[in-house]
Amino acid sequence: MDIDLDQVLRALSHPDRRLFLRACRDAPRAAGELADLSNLAVATVSEHLKVLRTAGLLTLDKQGRNWFYRTDPAVLKAARRGIKDILGD
């Protein structure tokens, strides 16, 4: 899988984005649930989620009338490979 590593690293540069990514790793989460995890305004959370989606780190799934965010493990693995390539590991 090819990713834009620069875009992924920029998306990971904010601590709240990393928090949201971890929260969505094990179970799908609604935007409201993610907003409750931080002290940010809902509009700010929405912007952070957009950055994570644009980088491919989060996917958005519709279940009934609700939308849920989920971490894309393939993108995380590709990012890990890209970082390992930089480090020489």
N, C-alpha and C. Protein backbone atom coordinates (compact mmCIF):
# COMPACT_ATOMS: atom_id res chain seq x y z
N MET A 1 0.84 -1.18 0.00
CA MET A 1 0.00 0.00 0.00
C MET A 1 0.88 1.24 0.00
N ASP A 2 0.60 2.15 -0.91
CA ASP A 2 1.32 3.42 -0.96
C ASP A 2 0.55 4.47 -0.18
N ILE A 3 1.28 5.21 0.64
CA ILE A 3 0.68 6.30 1.41
C ILE A 3 1.53 7.55 1.22
N ASP A 4 0.98 8.68 1.53
CA ASP A 4 1.73 9.93 1.57
C ASP A 4 2.27 10.05 3.00
N LEU A 5 3.51 9.60 3.20
CA LEU A 5 4.07 9.56 4.55
C LEU A 5 4.13 10.95 5.17
N ASP A 6 4.43 11.96 4.38
CA ASP A 6 4.46 13.32 4.92
C ASP A 6 3.10 13.72 5.48
N GLN A 7 2.05 13.40 4.73
CA GLN A 7 0.69 13.74 5.18
C GLN A 7 0.33 12.96 6.44
N VAL A 8 0.71 11.70 6.50
CA VAL A 8 0.43 10.88 7.69
C VAL A 8 1.17 11.43 8.90
N LEU A 9 2.45 11.77 8.72
CA LEU A 9 3.22 12.29 9.85
C LEU A 9 2.67 13.63 10.33
N ARG A 10 2.23 14.49 9.40
CA ARG A 10 1.60 15.76 9.80
C ARG A 10 0.32 15.47 10.60
N ALA A 11 -0.46 14.50 10.13
CA ALA A 11 -1.71 14.16 10.83
C ALA A 11 -1.42 13.64 12.24
N LEU A 12 -0.32 12.94 12.40
CA LEU A 12 0.04 12.38 13.71
C LEU A 12 0.73 13.39 14.63
N SER A 13 0.98 14.59 14.13
CA SER A 13 1.75 15.56 14.91
C SER A 13 0.96 16.21 16.05
N HIS A 14 -0.34 16.04 16.07
CA HIS A 14 -1.15 16.66 17.14
C HIS A 14 -1.56 15.59 18.16
N PRO A 15 -1.38 15.87 19.46
CA PRO A 15 -1.69 14.85 20.48
C PRO A 15 -3.16 14.42 20.50
N ASP A 16 -4.08 15.33 20.24
CA ASP A 16 -5.50 14.93 20.23
C ASP A 16 -5.80 14.02 19.05
N ARG A 17 -5.14 14.24 17.92
CA ARG A 17 -5.35 13.34 16.78
C ARG A 17 -4.86 11.94 17.11
N ARG A 18 -3.73 11.87 17.79
CA ARG A 18 -3.23 10.54 18.19
C ARG A 18 -4.19 9.89 19.18
N LEU A 19 -4.76 10.68 20.08
CA LEU A 19 -5.76 10.18 21.02
C LEU A 19 -6.95 9.60 20.27
N PHE A 20 -7.46 10.32 19.28
CA PHE A 20 -8.61 9.86 18.51
C PHE A 20 -8.27 8.59 17.74
N LEU A 21 -7.08 8.55 17.19
CA LEU A 21 -6.65 7.38 16.43
C LEU A 21 -6.59 6.14 17.32
N ARG A 22 -6.02 6.29 18.51
CA ARG A 22 -5.96 5.16 19.45
C ARG A 22 -7.37 4.73 19.88
N ALA A 23 -8.24 5.70 20.10
CA ALA A 23 -9.61 5.38 20.55
C ALA A 23 -10.36 4.59 19.49
N CYS A 24 -10.06 4.83 18.23
CA CYS A 24 -10.76 4.16 17.13
C CYS A 24 -10.08 2.87 16.70
N ARG A 25 -8.98 2.53 17.32
CA ARG A 25 -8.21 1.35 16.93
C ARG A 25 -8.94 0.05 17.27
N ASP A 26 -9.57 -0.01 18.42
CA ASP A 26 -10.17 -1.26 18.87
C ASP A 26 -11.66 -1.35 18.62
N ALA A 27 -12.31 -0.21 18.44
CA ALA A 27 -13.76 -0.21 18.22
C ALA A 27 -14.14 1.06 17.47
N PRO A 28 -15.16 0.96 16.63
CA PRO A 28 -15.61 2.18 15.93
C PRO A 28 -16.20 3.18 16.94
N ARG A 29 -15.96 4.45 16.67
CA ARG A 29 -16.42 5.51 17.59
C ARG A 29 -17.16 6.59 16.83
N ALA A 30 -18.20 7.11 17.44
CA ALA A 30 -18.92 8.26 16.89
C ALA A 30 -18.13 9.53 17.21
N ALA A 31 -18.35 10.56 16.42
CA ALA A 31 -17.64 11.83 16.63
C ALA A 31 -17.90 12.38 18.03
N GLY A 32 -19.12 12.25 18.52
CA GLY A 32 -19.43 12.73 19.87
C GLY A 32 -18.63 12.02 20.94
N GLU A 33 -18.44 10.72 20.76
CA GLU A 33 -17.62 9.95 21.72
C GLU A 33 -16.19 10.47 21.72
N LEU A 34 -15.68 10.76 20.53
CA LEU A 34 -14.31 11.25 20.43
C LEU A 34 -14.19 12.64 21.03
N ALA A 35 -15.20 13.48 20.82
CA ALA A 35 -15.17 14.82 21.40
C ALA A 35 -15.16 14.76 22.93
N ASP A 36 -15.86 13.77 23.48
CA ASP A 36 -15.90 13.61 24.94
C ASP A 36 -14.53 13.24 25.53
N LEU A 37 -13.63 12.73 24.70
CA LEU A 37 -12.30 12.33 25.18
C LEU A 37 -11.36 13.52 25.35
N SER A 38 -11.71 14.64 24.75
CA SER A 38 -10.81 15.79 24.79
C SER A 38 -11.54 17.01 25.34
N ASN A 39 -10.80 18.07 25.51
CA ASN A 39 -11.38 19.34 25.97
C ASN A 39 -11.65 20.28 24.80
N LEU A 40 -11.61 19.75 23.60
CA LEU A 40 -11.79 20.57 22.41
C LEU A 40 -13.25 20.77 22.07
N ALA A 41 -13.55 21.86 21.39
CA ALA A 41 -14.90 22.10 20.88
C ALA A 41 -15.22 21.08 19.81
N VAL A 42 -16.47 20.76 19.64
CA VAL A 42 -16.90 19.76 18.67
C VAL A 42 -16.43 20.15 17.26
N ALA A 43 -16.50 21.43 16.92
CA ALA A 43 -16.05 21.86 15.59
C ALA A 43 -14.55 21.61 15.40
N THR A 44 -13.77 21.80 16.44
CA THR A 44 -12.33 21.55 16.37
C THR A 44 -12.07 20.05 16.22
N VAL A 45 -12.80 19.24 16.96
CA VAL A 45 -12.68 17.78 16.84
C VAL A 45 -12.99 17.37 15.41
N SER A 46 -14.03 17.94 14.85
CA SER A 46 -14.41 17.63 13.47
C SER A 46 -13.27 17.94 12.50
N GLU A 47 -12.61 19.06 12.69
CA GLU A 47 -11.48 19.41 11.82
C GLU A 47 -10.33 18.41 11.98
N HIS A 48 -10.06 18.00 13.21
CA HIS A 48 -9.00 17.01 13.43
C HIS A 48 -9.36 15.67 12.78
N LEU A 49 -10.62 15.29 12.87
CA LEU A 49 -11.05 14.03 12.25
C LEU A 49 -10.93 14.11 10.73
N LYS A 50 -11.19 15.27 10.19
CA LYS A 50 -11.04 15.46 8.74
C LYS A 50 -9.58 15.28 8.33
N VAL A 51 -8.65 15.81 9.10
CA VAL A 51 -7.22 15.66 8.82
C VAL A 51 -6.84 14.17 8.84
N LEU A 52 -7.33 13.45 9.84
CA LEU A 52 -7.03 12.02 9.94
C LEU A 52 -7.64 11.23 8.79
N ARG A 53 -8.85 11.59 8.37
CA ARG A 53 -9.49 10.92 7.22
C ARG A 53 -8.74 11.21 5.93
N THR A 54 -8.35 12.47 5.74
CA THR A 54 -7.63 12.86 4.52
C THR A 54 -6.31 12.12 4.41
N ALA A 55 -5.65 11.89 5.53
CA ALA A 55 -4.39 11.14 5.54
C ALA A 55 -4.61 9.64 5.38
N GLY A 56 -5.87 9.21 5.47
CA GLY A 56 -6.19 7.79 5.34
C GLY A 56 -6.12 7.03 6.64
N LEU A 57 -5.82 7.70 7.73
CA LEU A 57 -5.68 7.02 9.01
C LEU A 57 -7.00 6.58 9.62
N LEU A 58 -8.07 7.31 9.32
CA LEU A 58 -9.41 6.95 9.78
C LEU A 58 -10.32 6.74 8.59
N THR A 59 -11.21 5.78 8.73
CA THR A 59 -12.28 5.60 7.76
C THR A 59 -13.59 5.94 8.45
N LEU A 60 -14.59 6.25 7.65
CA LEU A 60 -15.89 6.63 8.17
C LEU A 60 -16.90 5.63 7.64
N ASP A 61 -17.57 4.92 8.54
CA ASP A 61 -18.54 3.89 8.17
C ASP A 61 -19.93 4.27 8.66
N LYS A 62 -20.92 4.03 7.82
CA LYS A 62 -22.30 4.29 8.21
C LYS A 62 -22.92 3.00 8.72
N GLN A 63 -23.51 3.08 9.90
CA GLN A 63 -24.23 1.95 10.48
C GLN A 63 -25.62 2.45 10.86
N GLY A 64 -26.59 2.09 10.04
CA GLY A 64 -27.93 2.62 10.25
C GLY A 64 -27.94 4.10 9.94
N ARG A 65 -28.39 4.89 10.91
CA ARG A 65 -28.42 6.34 10.74
C ARG A 65 -27.18 7.01 11.30
N ASN A 66 -26.27 6.23 11.84
CA ASN A 66 -25.09 6.79 12.52
C ASN A 66 -23.82 6.56 11.72
N TRP A 67 -22.87 7.47 11.91
CA TRP A 67 -21.56 7.38 11.29
C TRP A 67 -20.52 7.10 12.37
N PHE A 68 -19.58 6.19 12.06
CA PHE A 68 -18.55 5.81 13.02
C PHE A 68 -17.17 5.86 12.37
N TYR A 69 -16.21 6.29 13.16
CA TYR A 69 -14.82 6.35 12.71
C TYR A 69 -14.09 5.09 13.16
N ARG A 70 -13.20 4.63 12.28
CA ARG A 70 -12.41 3.44 12.58
C ARG A 70 -10.99 3.66 12.05
N THR A 71 -10.00 3.24 12.80
CA THR A 71 -8.61 3.32 12.35
C THR A 71 -8.38 2.33 11.23
N ASP A 72 -7.65 2.76 10.21
CA ASP A 72 -7.30 1.87 9.10
C ASP A 72 -5.94 1.24 9.40
N PRO A 73 -5.92 -0.03 9.82
CA PRO A 73 -4.66 -0.66 10.21
C PRO A 73 -3.67 -0.77 9.06
N ALA A 74 -4.14 -0.87 7.83
CA ALA A 74 -3.23 -0.97 6.68
C ALA A 74 -2.41 0.31 6.52
N VAL A 75 -3.03 1.44 6.77
CA VAL A 75 -2.30 2.71 6.66
C VAL A 75 -1.29 2.83 7.80
N LEU A 76 -1.66 2.40 8.98
CA LEU A 76 -0.71 2.42 10.10
C LEU A 76 0.50 1.53 9.82
N LYS A 77 0.25 0.36 9.26
CA LYS A 77 1.36 -0.55 8.93
C LYS A 77 2.26 0.05 7.86
N ALA A 78 1.67 0.69 6.86
CA ALA A 78 2.46 1.33 5.81
C ALA A 78 3.29 2.47 6.39
N ALA A 79 2.71 3.23 7.33
CA ALA A 79 3.45 4.32 7.97
C ALA A 79 4.61 3.76 8.80
N ARG A 80 4.35 2.66 9.49
CA ARG A 80 5.43 2.02 10.27
C ARG A 80 6.57 1.60 9.35
N ARG A 81 6.22 1.01 8.20
CA ARG A 81 7.26 0.60 7.25
C ARG A 81 8.04 1.82 6.74
N GLY A 82 7.32 2.91 6.47
CA GLY A 82 8.00 4.12 5.99
C GLY A 82 8.94 4.68 7.03
N ILE A 83 8.55 4.66 8.28
CA ILE A 83 9.41 5.16 9.35
C ILE A 83 10.61 4.24 9.55
N LYS A 84 10.38 2.93 9.50
CA LYS A 84 11.48 1.98 9.62
C LYS A 84 12.49 2.18 8.50
N ASP A 85 11.99 2.50 7.29
CA ASP A 85 12.89 2.73 6.15
C ASP A 85 13.76 3.95 6.41
N ILE A 86 13.20 4.98 7.02
CA ILE A 86 13.96 6.18 7.33
C ILE A 86 15.02 5.88 8.38
N LEU A 87 14.63 5.11 9.39
CA LEU A 87 15.54 4.80 10.50
C LEU A 87 16.57 3.74 10.15
N GLY A 88 16.29 2.98 9.10
CA GLY A 88 17.20 1.91 8.72
C GLY A 88 17.01 0.65 9.50
N ASP A 89 15.87 0.50 10.17
CA ASP A 89 15.59 -0.73 10.95
C ASP A 89 14.98 -1.79 10.07
